[in-house]
Structure formats: structure tokens, C-alpha cells
Amino acid sequence: MFTLRIEHQIHGYEMWRAAFDRLAAIRERAGARNHRISLAVDDPNFIMIDLDFDSADAAETFLGVLRREVWGSAAAPALAGGVQTRIVEVMESKGY
């Protein structure tokens, strides 16, 4: 499994969440299998999103869609500053 990790400042969780929810069908069509959303404990306006994909290519393709069609448009009013991303390969996941 491959994870696209996205980190950025937001203007508020509720505003950001509404925009995130509007893109659910796009994530699904791109092959996203699952997502995790985290807020920094010391900064509730700093969010981290992990989107899981079957391949690095699928994650990279979706990242391109975000860069071209979402982050630079009026469709992203909740973003406050630059976005940092990284695609990682999950080597192990174990519950306790």
C-alpha cells in the first residue's frame, strides 16, 4: 500500500471538512482506498491527511489532480498557506 501524506495550515476545520467532503467522489475515482485525518494537538489549524492507494502511480496521479484542479482554485478556500506532500510506501501496519 502507498500513502499520499498531505500537510497544511487551514482556516478552520469545519470549512476545510466541507471542501474535503465535496471531493469524495474524485478520491474514489482516483483509487483512494481509505483516508485518515489528523489535527495537530498544538495547532488545530494544522491538518494532516493520509490517503491510501494500491500503487505509487495512483497516488502520484491523484496528487497531480490536487495540484492542477484543487489547490490553486477557488475550490480551496480553507487552505491557509503552502501544502507539503510526500508519497510513502507502507512497510508495516500493526494494531495493538
Protein backbone atom coordinates (compact mmCIF):
# COMPACT_ATOMS: atom_id res chain seq x y z
CA MET A 1 0.00 0.00 0.00
CA PHE A 2 1.12 3.55 -0.74
CA THR A 3 0.08 6.62 1.20
CA LEU A 4 -0.13 10.19 -0.01
CA ARG A 5 0.57 12.36 3.07
CA ILE A 6 -0.69 15.94 2.81
CA GLU A 7 0.07 18.59 5.46
CA HIS A 8 -1.01 22.24 5.55
CA GLN A 9 -2.49 25.09 7.53
CA ILE A 10 -6.23 25.64 7.26
CA HIS A 11 -8.62 28.48 8.10
CA GLY A 12 -10.81 26.21 10.23
CA TYR A 13 -11.71 22.55 10.39
CA GLU A 14 -15.41 22.89 9.56
CA MET A 15 -14.71 24.91 6.40
CA TRP A 16 -11.92 22.55 5.38
CA ARG A 17 -14.05 19.46 6.08
CA ALA A 18 -16.89 20.69 3.88
CA ALA A 19 -14.44 21.12 0.98
CA PHE A 20 -12.86 17.71 1.67
CA ASP A 21 -16.27 16.02 1.64
CA ARG A 22 -17.17 17.63 -1.72
CA LEU A 23 -14.16 15.81 -3.26
CA ALA A 24 -15.12 12.31 -2.04
CA ALA A 25 -16.16 11.04 -5.47
CA ILE A 26 -12.93 12.33 -7.04
CA ARG A 27 -10.86 10.49 -4.42
CA GLU A 28 -12.82 7.30 -5.01
CA ARG A 29 -12.47 7.50 -8.81
CA ALA A 30 -8.72 8.09 -8.38
CA GLY A 31 -8.43 4.82 -6.48
CA ALA A 32 -8.11 6.07 -2.91
CA ARG A 33 -8.87 3.15 -0.61
CA ASN A 34 -9.01 4.88 2.73
CA HIS A 35 -8.14 8.12 4.48
CA ARG A 36 -7.04 9.34 7.90
CA ILE A 37 -7.40 12.93 9.04
CA SER A 38 -5.34 14.31 11.93
CA LEU A 39 -5.17 17.73 13.57
CA ALA A 40 -2.06 18.87 15.40
CA VAL A 41 -2.66 18.94 19.15
CA ASP A 42 -0.80 22.23 19.50
CA ASP A 43 -2.39 23.86 16.41
CA PRO A 44 -5.99 22.96 15.49
CA ASN A 45 -5.49 24.76 12.16
CA PHE A 46 -2.72 22.39 11.04
CA ILE A 47 -4.08 19.29 9.33
CA MET A 48 -2.53 16.06 8.09
CA ILE A 49 -4.33 13.79 5.66
CA ASP A 50 -3.20 10.28 4.71
CA LEU A 51 -4.79 8.83 1.56
CA ASP A 52 -4.07 5.17 0.81
CA PHE A 53 -3.66 3.82 -2.73
CA ASP A 54 -2.74 0.46 -4.25
CA SER A 55 0.18 1.94 -6.20
CA ALA A 56 2.60 4.84 -6.11
CA ASP A 57 1.44 5.76 -9.63
CA ALA A 58 -2.17 6.12 -8.48
CA ALA A 59 -1.08 8.32 -5.56
CA GLU A 60 1.08 10.45 -7.87
CA THR A 61 -1.75 10.82 -10.39
CA PHE A 62 -4.15 11.97 -7.68
CA LEU A 63 -1.56 14.40 -6.35
CA GLY A 64 -1.39 15.90 -9.84
CA VAL A 65 -5.17 16.37 -9.84
CA LEU A 66 -4.99 18.14 -6.49
CA ARG A 67 -2.23 20.46 -7.71
CA ARG A 68 -3.93 21.30 -11.02
CA GLU A 69 -7.60 21.36 -10.11
CA VAL A 70 -7.99 21.93 -6.40
CA TRP A 71 -5.24 23.75 -4.54
CA GLY A 72 -4.83 26.62 -6.97
CA SER A 73 -8.52 27.31 -7.38
CA ALA A 74 -11.37 28.98 -5.56
CA ALA A 75 -12.44 25.43 -4.64
CA ALA A 76 -9.84 25.51 -1.85
CA PRO A 77 -10.90 28.48 0.35
CA ALA A 78 -9.96 26.64 3.56
CA LEU A 79 -6.25 26.42 2.72
CA ALA A 80 -4.00 28.86 4.56
CA GLY A 81 -0.50 28.66 3.15
CA GLY A 82 1.62 26.14 1.32
CA VAL A 83 0.94 22.44 1.08
CA GLN A 84 3.56 19.80 1.82
CA THR A 85 3.17 16.34 0.34
CA ARG A 86 5.00 13.05 0.33
CA ILE A 87 4.19 9.62 -1.09
CA VAL A 88 5.34 6.76 1.11
CA GLU A 89 5.21 3.00 0.87
CA VAL A 90 3.70 1.41 3.94
CA MET A 91 6.11 -1.30 5.03
CA GLU A 92 4.15 -2.49 8.04
CA SER A 93 0.92 -1.69 9.81
CA LYS A 94 0.10 -3.48 13.04
CA GLY A 95 -2.58 -2.90 15.64
CA TYR A 96 -2.11 -3.29 19.39
